[in-house]
Amino acid sequence: MGVNIQFLVTWEAVEHAGPGIYDREYLNYIRTLLSMLPQYGLSAFVSMHQDVWSRYSGGSGAPAWTLELAGFDLHAIEESGAAWLLGQRRGGHVEEERGLWPCGYQKLSAATMAYVFSAFIRSFLEAD
């Protein structure tokens, strides 16, 4: 009996260039990699992973264009206080400036995107 592993993939890796523009080379790479797992007694489930929405809001997962579509200026997102990038406050060079990435969920950018995404999903499900 084989071992089942969780294989993390981010939305940004798949659709970074823009809505509906998929990185076929990356997807083919993932397919090739996953197809090799049975040779080693492994199987995998692909998990579309995210934390704090995006690396552009202090986490990882969604592509930058999602924040831009919601009206965020990526060049001012940390300075405006809408995100702590790299899990930090002000640079993170001394202990009191270091933040923990979960704190980013309460910042404007990640909280807004969670709301927008859940509203989209609700409207999609209710369309039936």
N, C-alpha and C. Protein backbone atom coordinates (compact mmCIF):
# COMPACT_ATOMS: atom_id res chain seq x y z
N MET A 1 0.85 -1.18 0.00
CA MET A 1 0.00 0.00 0.00
C MET A 1 0.89 1.24 0.00
N GLY A 2 0.57 2.21 -0.82
CA GLY A 2 1.38 3.42 -0.95
C GLY A 2 1.05 4.49 0.07
N VAL A 3 1.83 5.51 0.00
CA VAL A 3 1.67 6.67 0.87
C VAL A 3 1.05 7.80 0.07
N ASN A 4 0.04 8.45 0.63
CA ASN A 4 -0.60 9.58 -0.02
C ASN A 4 -0.03 10.87 0.58
N ILE A 5 0.41 11.78 -0.27
CA ILE A 5 0.98 13.04 0.20
C ILE A 5 0.15 14.22 -0.29
N GLN A 6 0.27 15.32 0.42
CA GLN A 6 -0.36 16.56 0.01
C GLN A 6 0.64 17.31 -0.86
N PHE A 7 0.23 17.70 -2.05
CA PHE A 7 1.11 18.39 -2.99
C PHE A 7 0.57 19.82 -3.15
N LEU A 8 1.30 20.79 -2.62
CA LEU A 8 0.83 22.18 -2.62
C LEU A 8 1.13 22.87 -3.93
N VAL A 9 0.14 23.56 -4.44
CA VAL A 9 0.28 24.39 -5.64
C VAL A 9 -0.40 25.71 -5.33
N THR A 10 0.21 26.81 -5.76
CA THR A 10 -0.45 28.10 -5.55
C THR A 10 -1.11 28.57 -6.85
N TRP A 11 -2.18 29.32 -6.68
CA TRP A 11 -2.89 29.91 -7.81
C TRP A 11 -1.92 30.80 -8.60
N GLU A 12 -1.07 31.54 -7.88
CA GLU A 12 -0.12 32.42 -8.55
C GLU A 12 0.78 31.65 -9.51
N ALA A 13 1.21 30.46 -9.14
CA ALA A 13 2.07 29.66 -10.00
C ALA A 13 1.36 29.24 -11.28
N VAL A 14 0.07 29.03 -11.20
CA VAL A 14 -0.71 28.53 -12.33
C VAL A 14 -1.21 29.65 -13.24
N GLU A 15 -1.61 30.79 -12.67
CA GLU A 15 -2.29 31.84 -13.45
C GLU A 15 -1.71 33.23 -13.15
N HIS A 16 -0.39 33.32 -13.06
CA HIS A 16 0.27 34.57 -12.67
C HIS A 16 0.19 35.67 -13.71
N ALA A 17 0.09 35.34 -14.97
CA ALA A 17 0.15 36.35 -16.03
C ALA A 17 -1.15 37.14 -16.20
N GLY A 18 -2.25 36.65 -15.68
CA GLY A 18 -3.52 37.35 -15.79
C GLY A 18 -4.67 36.37 -15.82
N PRO A 19 -5.89 36.90 -15.67
CA PRO A 19 -7.07 36.02 -15.65
C PRO A 19 -7.16 35.17 -16.92
N GLY A 20 -7.27 33.87 -16.73
CA GLY A 20 -7.44 32.96 -17.85
C GLY A 20 -6.17 32.65 -18.63
N ILE A 21 -5.02 33.17 -18.18
CA ILE A 21 -3.75 32.91 -18.86
C ILE A 21 -2.98 31.91 -17.99
N TYR A 22 -3.02 30.66 -18.39
CA TYR A 22 -2.44 29.59 -17.59
C TYR A 22 -1.01 29.27 -18.01
N ASP A 23 -0.17 29.01 -17.05
CA ASP A 23 1.22 28.65 -17.30
C ASP A 23 1.27 27.16 -17.66
N ARG A 24 1.11 26.88 -18.94
CA ARG A 24 1.06 25.50 -19.43
C ARG A 24 2.36 24.74 -19.15
N GLU A 25 3.47 25.43 -19.25
CA GLU A 25 4.76 24.78 -18.97
C GLU A 25 4.80 24.30 -17.51
N TYR A 26 4.36 25.13 -16.60
CA TYR A 26 4.33 24.73 -15.18
C TYR A 26 3.35 23.58 -14.96
N LEU A 27 2.17 23.67 -15.55
CA LEU A 27 1.18 22.61 -15.40
C LEU A 27 1.70 21.28 -15.96
N ASN A 28 2.39 21.32 -17.09
CA ASN A 28 2.98 20.11 -17.65
C ASN A 28 4.07 19.55 -16.73
N TYR A 29 4.85 20.44 -16.14
CA TYR A 29 5.87 20.02 -15.18
C TYR A 29 5.23 19.30 -13.99
N ILE A 30 4.16 19.89 -13.45
CA ILE A 30 3.45 19.28 -12.32
C ILE A 30 2.91 17.90 -12.72
N ARG A 31 2.31 17.82 -13.90
CA ARG A 31 1.77 16.54 -14.38
C ARG A 31 2.88 15.49 -14.47
N THR A 32 4.01 15.88 -15.04
CA THR A 32 5.14 14.94 -15.16
C THR A 32 5.62 14.49 -13.78
N LEU A 33 5.77 15.44 -12.89
CA LEU A 33 6.23 15.13 -11.54
C LEU A 33 5.27 14.19 -10.82
N LEU A 34 3.98 14.50 -10.86
CA LEU A 34 2.98 13.67 -10.20
C LEU A 34 2.90 12.27 -10.82
N SER A 35 3.11 12.18 -12.12
CA SER A 35 3.05 10.87 -12.77
C SER A 35 4.20 9.96 -12.35
N MET A 36 5.26 10.52 -11.79
CA MET A 36 6.41 9.73 -11.33
C MET A 36 6.19 9.14 -9.93
N LEU A 37 5.26 9.69 -9.18
CA LEU A 37 5.09 9.27 -7.79
C LEU A 37 4.79 7.78 -7.61
N PRO A 38 3.93 7.16 -8.43
CA PRO A 38 3.64 5.73 -8.22
C PRO A 38 4.87 4.83 -8.27
N GLN A 39 5.89 5.24 -9.02
CA GLN A 39 7.13 4.45 -9.08
C GLN A 39 7.78 4.31 -7.69
N TYR A 40 7.45 5.24 -6.80
CA TYR A 40 8.04 5.27 -5.46
C TYR A 40 7.01 4.92 -4.38
N GLY A 41 5.89 4.35 -4.80
CA GLY A 41 4.85 3.96 -3.86
C GLY A 41 4.07 5.13 -3.29
N LEU A 42 4.05 6.24 -4.02
CA LEU A 42 3.38 7.44 -3.55
C LEU A 42 2.22 7.81 -4.45
N SER A 43 1.24 8.46 -3.86
CA SER A 43 0.18 9.12 -4.61
C SER A 43 -0.01 10.47 -3.95
N ALA A 44 -0.68 11.36 -4.63
CA ALA A 44 -0.81 12.72 -4.10
C ALA A 44 -2.19 13.28 -4.38
N PHE A 45 -2.60 14.17 -3.49
CA PHE A 45 -3.74 15.02 -3.81
C PHE A 45 -3.21 16.43 -3.90
N VAL A 46 -3.65 17.13 -4.92
CA VAL A 46 -3.18 18.49 -5.17
C VAL A 46 -4.02 19.44 -4.33
N SER A 47 -3.33 20.26 -3.57
CA SER A 47 -3.98 21.23 -2.70
C SER A 47 -3.65 22.64 -3.20
N MET A 48 -4.69 23.36 -3.62
CA MET A 48 -4.49 24.75 -4.01
C MET A 48 -4.28 25.55 -2.73
N HIS A 49 -3.05 25.89 -2.45
CA HIS A 49 -2.64 26.44 -1.16
C HIS A 49 -2.64 27.96 -1.16
N GLN A 50 -3.01 28.52 -0.01
CA GLN A 50 -2.87 29.97 0.20
C GLN A 50 -2.81 30.24 1.70
N ASP A 51 -2.10 31.27 2.04
CA ASP A 51 -2.06 31.83 3.39
C ASP A 51 -2.06 33.34 3.23
N VAL A 52 -2.92 34.03 3.94
CA VAL A 52 -3.00 35.50 3.91
C VAL A 52 -3.13 35.99 2.46
N TRP A 53 -3.89 35.29 1.70
CA TRP A 53 -4.28 35.55 0.31
C TRP A 53 -3.14 35.43 -0.69
N SER A 54 -2.09 36.26 -0.58
CA SER A 54 -1.08 36.37 -1.63
C SER A 54 0.24 36.83 -1.04
N ARG A 55 1.33 36.57 -1.75
CA ARG A 55 2.61 37.13 -1.27
C ARG A 55 2.60 38.65 -1.34
N TYR A 56 1.71 39.20 -2.12
CA TYR A 56 1.60 40.65 -2.23
C TYR A 56 0.78 41.25 -1.08
N SER A 57 0.19 40.38 -0.25
CA SER A 57 -0.52 40.84 0.95
C SER A 57 0.07 40.20 2.20
N GLY A 58 1.28 39.64 2.08
CA GLY A 58 1.98 39.13 3.24
C GLY A 58 1.94 37.63 3.43
N GLY A 59 1.46 36.89 2.45
CA GLY A 59 1.36 35.44 2.58
C GLY A 59 1.83 34.74 1.33
N SER A 60 0.99 33.87 0.79
CA SER A 60 1.28 33.18 -0.46
C SER A 60 -0.03 32.65 -1.03
N GLY A 61 -0.07 32.48 -2.34
CA GLY A 61 -1.25 31.88 -2.93
C GLY A 61 -1.73 32.57 -4.19
N ALA A 62 -2.54 33.59 -4.05
CA ALA A 62 -3.19 34.22 -5.19
C ALA A 62 -2.24 35.15 -5.95
N PRO A 63 -2.46 35.31 -7.25
CA PRO A 63 -1.62 36.20 -8.04
C PRO A 63 -1.88 37.68 -7.76
N ALA A 64 -0.89 38.49 -8.09
CA ALA A 64 -0.95 39.94 -7.85
C ALA A 64 -2.17 40.58 -8.50
N TRP A 65 -2.52 40.12 -9.70
CA TRP A 65 -3.60 40.76 -10.44
C TRP A 65 -4.93 40.71 -9.70
N THR A 66 -5.11 39.75 -8.79
CA THR A 66 -6.37 39.69 -8.03
C THR A 66 -6.51 40.91 -7.12
N LEU A 67 -5.40 41.29 -6.50
CA LEU A 67 -5.42 42.49 -5.63
C LEU A 67 -5.61 43.74 -6.47
N GLU A 68 -4.96 43.81 -7.62
CA GLU A 68 -5.11 44.97 -8.49
C GLU A 68 -6.55 45.11 -8.99
N LEU A 69 -7.20 43.98 -9.31
CA LEU A 69 -8.60 44.04 -9.74
C LEU A 69 -9.51 44.55 -8.64
N ALA A 70 -9.13 44.32 -7.39
CA ALA A 70 -9.92 44.81 -6.26
C ALA A 70 -9.57 46.26 -5.91
N GLY A 71 -8.63 46.86 -6.63
CA GLY A 71 -8.31 48.27 -6.43
C GLY A 71 -7.09 48.56 -5.58
N PHE A 72 -6.33 47.54 -5.19
CA PHE A 72 -5.14 47.78 -4.38
C PHE A 72 -3.97 48.21 -5.26
N ASP A 73 -3.20 49.19 -4.77
CA ASP A 73 -1.97 49.63 -5.41
C ASP A 73 -0.84 48.81 -4.78
N LEU A 74 -0.28 47.89 -5.53
CA LEU A 74 0.74 46.99 -4.98
C LEU A 74 1.99 47.73 -4.52
N HIS A 75 2.25 48.89 -5.10
CA HIS A 75 3.43 49.66 -4.72
C HIS A 75 3.24 50.39 -3.39
N ALA A 76 2.00 50.50 -2.94
CA ALA A 76 1.72 51.22 -1.69
C ALA A 76 1.05 50.34 -0.64
N ILE A 77 0.93 49.06 -0.91
CA ILE A 77 0.13 48.18 -0.06
C ILE A 77 0.68 48.07 1.36
N GLU A 78 2.00 48.02 1.52
CA GLU A 78 2.57 47.94 2.86
C GLU A 78 2.64 49.31 3.51
N GLU A 79 3.07 50.29 2.77
CA GLU A 79 3.19 51.66 3.30
C GLU A 79 1.85 52.19 3.78
N SER A 80 0.78 51.81 3.11
CA SER A 80 -0.55 52.28 3.49
C SER A 80 -1.10 51.55 4.72
N GLY A 81 -0.43 50.46 5.11
CA GLY A 81 -0.90 49.67 6.25
C GLY A 81 -1.87 48.56 5.87
N ALA A 82 -2.08 48.35 4.58
CA ALA A 82 -3.02 47.31 4.14
C ALA A 82 -2.43 45.91 4.22
N ALA A 83 -1.11 45.81 4.41
CA ALA A 83 -0.46 44.49 4.50
C ALA A 83 0.87 44.62 5.22
N TRP A 84 1.28 43.53 5.84
CA TRP A 84 2.66 43.37 6.32
C TRP A 84 3.30 42.38 5.39
N LEU A 85 4.24 42.83 4.60
CA LEU A 85 4.89 41.92 3.68
C LEU A 85 6.00 41.18 4.40
N LEU A 86 6.21 39.94 4.03
CA LEU A 86 7.20 39.07 4.64
C LEU A 86 6.92 38.86 6.13
N GLY A 87 5.68 39.04 6.57
CA GLY A 87 5.33 38.82 7.97
C GLY A 87 5.98 39.82 8.90
N GLN A 88 6.23 41.01 8.40
CA GLN A 88 6.96 41.99 9.19
C GLN A 88 6.20 43.31 9.29
N ARG A 89 6.55 44.07 10.29
CA ARG A 89 6.10 45.45 10.42
C ARG A 89 7.33 46.31 10.26
N ARG A 90 7.28 47.29 9.45
CA ARG A 90 8.37 48.24 9.24
C ARG A 90 9.66 47.55 8.86
N GLY A 91 9.96 46.66 8.21
CA GLY A 91 11.29 46.17 7.89
C GLY A 91 11.73 44.90 8.59
N GLY A 92 11.29 44.68 9.83
CA GLY A 92 11.58 43.45 10.53
C GLY A 92 13.01 43.23 10.92
N HIS A 93 13.79 44.31 11.05
CA HIS A 93 15.21 44.16 11.36
C HIS A 93 15.49 43.96 12.84
N VAL A 94 14.57 44.35 13.70
CA VAL A 94 14.71 44.13 15.14
C VAL A 94 13.49 43.37 15.64
N GLU A 95 13.64 42.71 16.78
CA GLU A 95 12.60 41.79 17.28
C GLU A 95 11.22 42.43 17.34
N GLU A 96 11.11 43.65 17.86
CA GLU A 96 9.78 44.27 18.01
C GLU A 96 9.12 44.62 16.67
N GLU A 97 9.87 44.56 15.58
CA GLU A 97 9.29 44.81 14.26
C GLU A 97 8.82 43.54 13.57
N ARG A 98 9.18 42.40 14.12
CA ARG A 98 8.81 41.15 13.48
C ARG A 98 7.35 40.83 13.77
N GLY A 99 6.65 40.41 12.76
CA GLY A 99 5.27 40.00 12.91
C GLY A 99 5.13 38.53 12.58
N LEU A 100 4.02 37.98 12.89
CA LEU A 100 3.74 36.60 12.52
C LEU A 100 2.78 36.63 11.35
N TRP A 101 3.01 35.77 10.37
CA TRP A 101 2.18 35.85 9.17
C TRP A 101 0.69 35.75 9.45
N PRO A 102 0.20 35.00 10.46
CA PRO A 102 -1.25 34.98 10.67
C PRO A 102 -1.84 36.36 10.99
N CYS A 103 -1.01 37.27 11.50
CA CYS A 103 -1.50 38.62 11.78
C CYS A 103 -1.98 39.30 10.51
N GLY A 104 -1.45 38.88 9.38
CA GLY A 104 -1.83 39.48 8.11
C GLY A 104 -3.28 39.26 7.73
N TYR A 105 -3.92 38.25 8.28
CA TYR A 105 -5.33 38.00 7.96
C TYR A 105 -6.21 39.16 8.40
N GLN A 106 -5.78 39.93 9.40
CA GLN A 106 -6.57 41.06 9.86
C GLN A 106 -6.25 42.36 9.13
N LYS A 107 -5.26 42.34 8.27
CA LYS A 107 -4.92 43.54 7.52
C LYS A 107 -5.92 43.72 6.36
N LEU A 108 -6.08 44.94 5.93
CA LEU A 108 -7.11 45.28 4.95
C LEU A 108 -7.04 44.45 3.67
N SER A 109 -5.85 44.24 3.13
CA SER A 109 -5.76 43.56 1.84
C SER A 109 -6.26 42.12 1.92
N ALA A 110 -5.76 41.34 2.86
CA ALA A 110 -6.18 39.93 2.96
C ALA A 110 -7.63 39.80 3.38
N ALA A 111 -8.07 40.64 4.31
CA ALA A 111 -9.46 40.58 4.77
C ALA A 111 -10.42 40.95 3.63
N THR A 112 -10.07 41.95 2.85
CA THR A 112 -10.90 42.35 1.71
C THR A 112 -10.99 41.23 0.69
N MET A 113 -9.85 40.64 0.37
CA MET A 113 -9.84 39.60 -0.65
C MET A 113 -10.61 38.36 -0.19
N ALA A 114 -10.54 38.02 1.09
CA ALA A 114 -11.33 36.89 1.59
C ALA A 114 -12.81 37.17 1.43
N TYR A 115 -13.23 38.40 1.70
CA TYR A 115 -14.63 38.78 1.57
C TYR A 115 -15.06 38.74 0.09
N VAL A 116 -14.25 39.35 -0.77
CA VAL A 116 -14.57 39.40 -2.20
C VAL A 116 -14.66 37.98 -2.77
N PHE A 117 -13.70 37.14 -2.43
CA PHE A 117 -13.68 35.78 -2.94
C PHE A 117 -14.90 34.99 -2.45
N SER A 118 -15.23 35.10 -1.17
CA SER A 118 -16.38 34.35 -0.65
C SER A 118 -17.69 34.88 -1.25
N ALA A 119 -17.78 36.18 -1.51
CA ALA A 119 -18.97 36.74 -2.15
C ALA A 119 -19.10 36.21 -3.58
N PHE A 120 -17.98 36.11 -4.28
CA PHE A 120 -17.98 35.57 -5.63
C PHE A 120 -18.46 34.12 -5.63
N ILE A 121 -17.92 33.32 -4.73
CA ILE A 121 -18.31 31.90 -4.65
C ILE A 121 -19.81 31.78 -4.34
N ARG A 122 -20.28 32.59 -3.38
CA ARG A 122 -21.72 32.55 -3.04
C ARG A 122 -22.57 32.89 -4.25
N SER A 123 -22.20 33.94 -4.98
CA SER A 123 -23.01 34.35 -6.14
C SER A 123 -22.94 33.28 -7.24
N PHE A 124 -21.80 32.63 -7.39
CA PHE A 124 -21.65 31.56 -8.36
C PHE A 124 -22.54 30.38 -8.01
N LEU A 125 -22.58 30.00 -6.74
CA LEU A 125 -23.39 28.86 -6.29
C LEU A 125 -24.87 29.17 -6.35
N GLU A 126 -25.22 30.42 -6.11
CA GLU A 126 -26.63 30.81 -6.12
C GLU A 126 -27.17 31.02 -7.53
N ALA A 127 -26.29 31.03 -8.53
CA ALA A 127 -26.69 31.28 -9.92
C ALA A 127 -27.51 30.13 -10.49
N ASP A 128 -27.44 28.97 -9.87
CA ASP A 128 -28.22 27.81 -10.35
C ASP A 128 -29.63 28.02 -10.12
